Structure formats: C-alpha cells, structure tokens
PDB file of N, CA and C in Angstrom:
ATOM      1  N   MET A   1      77.876  85.371 111.811  1.00  0.00           N
ATOM      2  CA  MET A   1      76.713  86.087 112.304  1.00  0.00           C
ATOM      3  C   MET A   1      77.023  86.660 113.680  1.00  0.00           C
ATOM      4  N   ILE A   2      76.523  87.848 113.926  1.00  0.00           N
ATOM      5  CA  ILE A   2      76.703  88.521 115.204  1.00  0.00           C
ATOM      6  C   ILE A   2      75.320  88.867 115.750  1.00  0.00           C
ATOM      7  N   ALA A   3      75.112  88.569 117.002  1.00  0.00           N
ATOM      8  CA  ALA A   3      73.855  88.944 117.653  1.00  0.00           C
ATOM      9  C   ALA A   3      74.102  90.172 118.512  1.00  0.00           C
ATOM     10  N   VAL A   4      73.186  91.123 118.447  1.00  0.00           N
ATOM     11  CA  VAL A   4      73.323  92.368 119.195  1.00  0.00           C
ATOM     12  C   VAL A   4      72.030  92.630 119.962  1.00  0.00           C
ATOM     13  N   ARG A   5      72.173  92.934 121.240  1.00  0.00           N
ATOM     14  CA  ARG A   5      71.007  93.317 122.046  1.00  0.00           C
ATOM     15  C   ARG A   5      70.946  94.835 122.090  1.00  0.00           C
ATOM     16  N   LEU A   6      69.794  95.357 121.760  1.00  0.00           N
ATOM     17  CA  LEU A   6      69.602  96.798 121.756  1.00  0.00           C
ATOM     18  C   LEU A   6      68.586  97.190 122.815  1.00  0.00           C
ATOM     19  N   PRO A   7      68.745  98.378 123.382  1.00  0.00           N
ATOM     20  CA  PRO A   7      67.691  98.882 124.265  1.00  0.00           C
ATOM     21  C   PRO A   7      66.380  98.965 123.469  1.00  0.00           C
ATOM     22  N   LYS A   8      65.278  98.733 124.133  1.00  0.00           N
ATOM     23  CA  LYS A   8      63.975  98.676 123.462  1.00  0.00           C
ATOM     24  C   LYS A   8      63.709  99.918 122.622  1.00  0.00           C
ATOM     25  N   GLU A   9      63.987 101.096 123.174  1.00  0.00           N
ATOM     26  CA  GLU A   9      63.738 102.350 122.442  1.00  0.00           C
ATOM     27  C   GLU A   9      64.541 102.402 121.146  1.00  0.00           C
ATOM     28  N   LEU A  10      65.810 102.031 121.207  1.00  0.00           N
ATOM     29  CA  LEU A  10      66.658 102.035 120.019  1.00  0.00           C
ATOM     30  C   LEU A  10      66.161 101.018 118.999  1.00  0.00           C
ATOM     31  N   GLU A  11      65.756  99.867 119.473  1.00  0.00           N
ATOM     32  CA  GLU A  11      65.228  98.839 118.574  1.00  0.00           C
ATOM     33  C   GLU A  11      63.952  99.323 117.883  1.00  0.00           C
ATOM     34  N   MET A  12      63.104 100.011 118.621  1.00  0.00           N
ATOM     35  CA  MET A  12      61.866 100.532 118.031  1.00  0.00           C
ATOM     36  C   MET A  12      62.166 101.590 116.970  1.00  0.00           C
ATOM     37  N   GLN A  13      63.136 102.455 117.235  1.00  0.00           N
ATOM     38  CA  GLN A  13      63.529 103.467 116.246  1.00  0.00           C
ATOM     39  C   GLN A  13      64.082 102.801 114.994  1.00  0.00           C
ATOM     40  N   LEU A  14      64.910 101.787 115.190  1.00  0.00           N
ATOM     41  CA  LEU A  14      65.495 101.064 114.068  1.00  0.00           C
ATOM     42  C   LEU A  14      64.409 100.378 113.243  1.00  0.00           C
ATOM     43  N   GLU A  15      63.474  99.733 113.903  1.00  0.00           N
ATOM     44  CA  GLU A  15      62.372  99.073 113.202  1.00  0.00           C
ATOM     45  C   GLU A  15      61.552 100.076 112.392  1.00  0.00           C
ATOM     46  N   LYS A  16      61.308 101.247 112.964  1.00  0.00           N
ATOM     47  CA  LYS A  16      60.534 102.279 112.270  1.00  0.00           C
ATOM     48  C   LYS A  16      61.249 102.735 111.002  1.00  0.00           C
ATOM     49  N   VAL A  17      62.535 103.041 111.121  1.00  0.00           N
ATOM     50  CA  VAL A  17      63.307 103.493 109.959  1.00  0.00           C
ATOM     51  C   VAL A  17      63.361 102.397 108.898  1.00  0.00           C
ATOM     52  N   ALA A  18      63.606 101.181 109.315  1.00  0.00           N
ATOM     53  CA  ALA A  18      63.680 100.066 108.369  1.00  0.00           C
ATOM     54  C   ALA A  18      62.350  99.886 107.643  1.00  0.00           C
ATOM     55  N   SER A  19      61.268  99.981 108.371  1.00  0.00           N
ATOM     56  CA  SER A  19      59.940  99.827 107.775  1.00  0.00           C
ATOM     57  C   SER A  19      59.635 100.961 106.796  1.00  0.00           C
ATOM     58  N   GLU A  20      59.941 102.188 107.198  1.00  0.00           N
ATOM     59  CA  GLU A  20      59.659 103.351 106.350  1.00  0.00           C
ATOM     60  C   GLU A  20      60.471 103.352 105.063  1.00  0.00           C
ATOM     61  N   THR A  21      61.666 102.803 105.115  1.00  0.00           N
ATOM     62  CA  THR A  21      62.561 102.850 103.950  1.00  0.00           C
ATOM     63  C   THR A  21      62.628 101.532 103.190  1.00  0.00           C
ATOM     64  N   HIS A  22      61.909 100.537 103.680  1.00  0.00           N
ATOM     65  CA  HIS A  22      61.904  99.209 103.052  1.00  0.00           C
ATOM     66  C   HIS A  22      63.311  98.614 102.960  1.00  0.00           C
ATOM     67  N   ARG A  23      64.074  98.840 103.999  1.00  0.00           N
ATOM     68  CA  ARG A  23      65.408  98.242 104.122  1.00  0.00           C
ATOM     69  C   ARG A  23      65.424  97.418 105.393  1.00  0.00           C
ATOM     70  N   SER A  24      66.390  96.511 105.469  1.00  0.00           N
ATOM     71  CA  SER A  24      66.463  95.649 106.651  1.00  0.00           C
ATOM     72  C   SER A  24      67.137  96.370 107.813  1.00  0.00           C
ATOM     73  N   LYS A  25      66.849  95.900 109.003  1.00  0.00           N
ATOM     74  CA  LYS A  25      67.532  96.432 110.186  1.00  0.00           C
ATOM     75  C   LYS A  25      69.026  96.146 110.071  1.00  0.00           C
ATOM     76  N   SER A  26      69.365  94.993 109.524  1.00  0.00           N
ATOM     77  CA  SER A  26      70.780  94.639 109.342  1.00  0.00           C
ATOM     78  C   SER A  26      71.495  95.649 108.460  1.00  0.00           C
ATOM     79  N   TYR A  27      70.803  96.146 107.451  1.00  0.00           N
ATOM     80  CA  TYR A  27      71.394  97.139 106.555  1.00  0.00           C
ATOM     81  C   TYR A  27      71.841  98.365 107.357  1.00  0.00           C
ATOM     82  N   TYR A  28      70.948  98.874 108.210  1.00  0.00           N
ATOM     83  CA  TYR A  28      71.271 100.077 108.975  1.00  0.00           C
ATOM     84  C   TYR A  28      72.319  99.819 110.052  1.00  0.00           C
ATOM     85  N   ILE A  29      72.291  98.664 110.647  1.00  0.00           N
ATOM     86  CA  ILE A  29      73.324  98.322 111.632  1.00  0.00           C
ATOM     87  C   ILE A  29      74.683  98.226 110.945  1.00  0.00           C
ATOM     88  N   ARG A  30      74.715  97.595 109.772  1.00  0.00           N
ATOM     89  CA  ARG A  30      75.962  97.468 109.012  1.00  0.00           C
ATOM     90  C   ARG A  30      76.497  98.843 108.617  1.00  0.00           C
ATOM     91  N   LYS A  31      75.604  99.721 108.109  1.00  0.00           N
ATOM     92  CA  LYS A  31      76.029 101.063 107.700  1.00  0.00           C
ATOM     93  C   LYS A  31      76.561 101.866 108.889  1.00  0.00           C
ATOM     94  N   ALA A  32      75.897 101.765 110.029  1.00  0.00           N
ATOM     95  CA  ALA A  32      76.348 102.484 111.224  1.00  0.00           C
ATOM     96  C   ALA A  32      77.716 101.981 111.672  1.00  0.00           C
ATOM     97  N   LEU A  33      77.918 100.684 111.624  1.00  0.00           N
ATOM     98  CA  LEU A  33      79.199 100.110 112.022  1.00  0.00           C
ATOM     99  C   LEU A  33      80.301 100.515 111.050  1.00  0.00           C
ATOM    100  N   GLU A  34      80.001 100.501 109.754  1.00  0.00           N
ATOM    101  CA  GLU A  34      80.982 100.943 108.758  1.00  0.00           C
ATOM    102  C   GLU A  34      81.394 102.387 109.019  1.00  0.00           C
ATOM    103  N   GLN A  35      80.418 103.246 109.290  1.00  0.00           N
ATOM    104  CA  GLN A  35      80.705 104.659 109.543  1.00  0.00           C
ATOM    105  C   GLN A  35      81.538 104.836 110.807  1.00  0.00           C
ATOM    106  N   PHE A  36      81.191 104.104 111.857  1.00  0.00           N
ATOM    107  CA  PHE A  36      81.951 104.175 113.104  1.00  0.00           C
ATOM    108  C   PHE A  36      83.402 103.765 112.879  1.00  0.00           C
ATOM    109  N   LEU A  37      83.613 102.657 112.174  1.00  0.00           N
ATOM    110  CA  LEU A  37      84.976 102.170 111.949  1.00  0.00           C
ATOM    111  C   LEU A  37      85.773 103.141 111.085  1.00  0.00           C
ATOM    112  N   GLU A  38      85.129 103.741 110.086  1.00  0.00           N
ATOM    113  CA  GLU A  38      85.803 104.729 109.248  1.00  0.00           C
ATOM    114  C   GLU A  38      86.174 105.967 110.067  1.00  0.00           C
ATOM    115  N   ASP A  39      85.242 106.444 110.888  1.00  0.00           N
ATOM    116  CA  ASP A  39      85.521 107.607 111.740  1.00  0.00           C
ATOM    117  C   ASP A  39      86.655 107.314 112.719  1.00  0.00           C
ATOM    118  N   ARG A  40      86.661 106.121 113.275  1.00  0.00           N
ATOM    119  CA  ARG A  40      87.711 105.742 114.227  1.00  0.00           C
ATOM    120  C   ARG A  40      89.072 105.710 113.538  1.00  0.00           C
ATOM    121  N   GLU A  41      89.111 105.156 112.332  1.00  0.00           N
ATOM    122  CA  GLU A  41      90.363 105.113 111.572  1.00  0.00           C
ATOM    123  C   GLU A  41      90.863 106.531 111.289  1.00  0.00           C
ATOM    124  N   ASP A  42      89.961 107.419 110.885  1.00  0.00           N
ATOM    125  CA  ASP A  42      90.334 108.815 110.637  1.00  0.00           C
ATOM    126  C   ASP A  42      90.873 109.475 111.904  1.00  0.00           C
ATOM    127  N   TYR A  43      90.213 109.221 113.030  1.00  0.00           N
ATOM    128  CA  TYR A  43      90.643 109.788 114.307  1.00  0.00           C
ATOM    129  C   TYR A  43      92.046 109.306 114.667  1.00  0.00           C
ATOM    130  N   LEU A  44      92.275 108.003 114.553  1.00  0.00           N
ATOM    131  CA  LEU A  44      93.588 107.454 114.900  1.00  0.00           C
ATOM    132  C   LEU A  44      94.678 107.997 113.982  1.00  0.00           C
ATOM    133  N   LEU A  45      94.363 108.179 112.716  1.00  0.00           N
ATOM    134  CA  LEU A  45      95.317 108.757 111.776  1.00  0.00           C
ATOM    135  C   LEU A  45      95.639 110.203 112.163  1.00  0.00           C
ATOM    136  N   ALA A  46      94.618 110.959 112.533  1.00  0.00           N
ATOM    137  CA  ALA A  46      94.835 112.351 112.944  1.00  0.00           C
ATOM    138  C   ALA A  46      95.702 112.423 114.193  1.00  0.00           C
ATOM    139  N   VAL A  47      95.454 111.558 115.157  1.00  0.00           N
ATOM    140  CA  VAL A  47      96.258 111.533 116.384  1.00  0.00           C
ATOM    141  C   VAL A  47      97.709 111.189 116.050  1.00  0.00           C
ATOM    142  N   ALA A  48      97.906 110.210 115.183  1.00  0.00           N
ATOM    143  CA  ALA A  48      99.264 109.815 114.792  1.00  0.00           C
ATOM    144  C   ALA A  48      99.988 110.974 114.120  1.00  0.00           C
ATOM    145  N   ARG A  49      99.288 111.712 113.265  1.00  0.00           N
ATOM    146  CA  ARG A  49      99.901 112.854 112.585  1.00  0.00           C
ATOM    147  C   ARG A  49     100.298 113.938 113.589  1.00  0.00           C
ATOM    148  N   LEU A  50      99.457 114.174 114.575  1.00  0.00           N
ATOM    149  CA  LEU A  50      99.773 115.187 115.584  1.00  0.00           C
ATOM    150  C   LEU A  50     100.994 114.798 116.411  1.00  0.00           C
ATOM    151  N   GLU A  51     101.196 113.515 116.597  1.00  0.00           N
ATOM    152  CA  GLU A  51     102.314 113.040 117.410  1.00  0.00           C
ATOM    153  C   GLU A  51     103.628 112.985 116.641  1.00  0.00           C
ATOM    154  N   GLU A  52     103.612 113.239 115.330  1.00  0.00           N
ATOM    155  CA  GLU A  52     104.820 113.159 114.510  1.00  0.00           C
ATOM    156  C   GLU A  52     105.755 114.346 114.685  1.00  0.00           C
ATOM    157  N   ASN A  53     105.313 115.397 115.317  1.00  0.00           N
ATOM    158  CA  ASN A  53     106.126 116.599 115.537  1.00  0.00           C
ATOM    159  C   ASN A  53     106.621 117.233 114.247  1.00  0.00           C
ATOM    160  N   ASN A  54     105.845 117.148 113.193  1.00  0.00           N
ATOM    161  CA  ASN A  54     106.192 117.848 111.958  1.00  0.00           C
ATOM    162  C   ASN A  54     105.929 119.333 112.156  1.00  0.00           C
ATOM    163  N   PRO A  55     106.715 120.165 111.480  1.00  0.00           N
ATOM    164  CA  PRO A  55     106.482 121.605 111.632  1.00  0.00           C
ATOM    165  C   PRO A  55     105.086 121.977 111.121  1.00  0.00           C
ATOM    166  N   ARG A  56     104.453 122.887 111.818  1.00  0.00           N
ATOM    167  CA  ARG A  56     103.124 123.350 111.430  1.00  0.00           C
ATOM    168  C   ARG A  56     103.267 124.596 110.567  1.00  0.00           C
ATOM    169  N   ILE A  57     102.366 124.761 109.637  1.00  0.00           N
ATOM    170  CA  ILE A  57     102.353 125.949 108.790  1.00  0.00           C
ATOM    171  C   ILE A  57     101.191 126.822 109.250  1.00  0.00           C
ATOM    172  N   PRO A  58     101.464 128.071 109.597  1.00  0.00           N
ATOM    173  CA  PRO A  58     100.379 128.953 110.044  1.00  0.00           C
ATOM    174  C   PRO A  58      99.295 129.109 108.972  1.00  0.00           C
ATOM    175  N   TYR A  59      98.061 129.195 109.430  1.00  0.00           N
ATOM    176  CA  TYR A  59      96.907 129.326 108.547  1.00  0.00           C
ATOM    177  C   TYR A  59      97.062 130.513 107.600  1.00  0.00           C
ATOM    178  N   GLU A  60      97.535 131.632 108.115  1.00  0.00           N
ATOM    179  CA  GLU A  60      97.686 132.835 107.300  1.00  0.00           C
ATOM    180  C   GLU A  60      98.667 132.593 106.153  1.00  0.00           C
ATOM    181  N   ARG A  61      99.746 131.866 106.425  1.00  0.00           N
ATOM    182  CA  ARG A  61     100.742 131.572 105.383  1.00  0.00           C
ATOM    183  C   ARG A  61     100.144 130.686 104.297  1.00  0.00           C
ATOM    184  N   VAL A  62      99.370 129.708 104.682  1.00  0.00           N
ATOM    185  CA  VAL A  62      98.721 128.823 103.704  1.00  0.00           C
ATOM    186  C   VAL A  62      97.796 129.638 102.812  1.00  0.00           C
ATOM    187  N   ARG A  63      96.981 130.490 103.418  1.00  0.00           N
ATOM    188  CA  ARG A  63      96.063 131.328 102.631  1.00  0.00           C
ATOM    189  C   ARG A  63      96.844 132.208 101.651  1.00  0.00           C
ATOM    190  N   LYS A  64      97.954 132.789 102.115  1.00  0.00           N
ATOM    191  CA  LYS A  64      98.750 133.667 101.258  1.00  0.00           C
ATOM    192  C   LYS A  64      99.368 132.881 100.106  1.00  0.00           C
ATOM    193  N   GLU A  65      99.935 131.712 100.405  1.00  0.00           N
ATOM    194  CA  GLU A  65     100.578 130.906  99.371  1.00  0.00           C
ATOM    195  C   GLU A  65      99.577 130.383  98.340  1.00  0.00           C
ATOM    196  N   LEU A  66      98.340 130.193  98.754  1.00  0.00           N
ATOM    197  CA  LEU A  66      97.304 129.735  97.825  1.00  0.00           C
ATOM    198  C   LEU A  66      96.614 130.894  97.112  1.00  0.00           C
ATOM    199  N   GLY A  67      97.034 132.106  97.440  1.00  0.00           N
ATOM    200  CA  GLY A  67      96.449 133.279  96.802  1.00  0.00           C
ATOM    201  C   GLY A  67      95.032 133.572  97.253  1.00  0.00           C
ATOM    202  N   LEU A  68      94.707 133.191  98.468  1.00  0.00           N
ATOM    203  CA  LEU A  68      93.352 133.395  98.979  1.00  0.00           C
ATOM    204  C   LEU A  68      93.188 134.721  99.693  1.00  0.00           C
ATOM    205  N   ASP A  69      94.291 135.394  99.983  1.00  0.00           N
ATOM    206  CA  ASP A  69      94.224 136.714 100.608  1.00  0.00           C
ATOM    207  C   ASP A  69      94.355 137.765  99.521  1.00  0.00           C
ATOM    208  N   ASP A  70      93.375 138.622  99.440  1.00  0.00           N
ATOM    209  CA  ASP A  70      93.421 139.682  98.414  1.00  0.00           C
ATOM    210  C   ASP A  70      93.970 140.961  98.968  1.00  0.00           C
TER     211      ASP A  70
END
C-alpha cells in the first residue's frame, strides 16, 4: 500500500470524477501512474535511439519510397 498526499484542490477534483463515474479514487490514481510510467519509458527509448548515431532518412525520401508523393 502507498499513501499519497494531494493538494486539496486536486483531491476535490479526483473525488468529483470518481463520484461521477462510480469508480474509486485508487482506480484513477493507478491509471495516471500507469500512463506516466509508459510515457516515461517511451521518452527514454526515444532519447536512447537519438543517441545511437544511426543515419537519418530524410522525410522526403521516406514519402517517395512509400509512394506517397504523386
């Protein structure tokens, strides 16, 4: 179990959403944390890819090779 202190305004917003949707506050906190961790993982992966120094393919070339330029 994890205890989290929230600013009063944020707690009130969370309570309102939970009440309106008949879901628990824990549900929304869990979903927000899952989304944050997924976004962070994506960000770190993108940074790692940029640091690999792989050759870049120009956007115009990609469009041409995919037949998107008429």
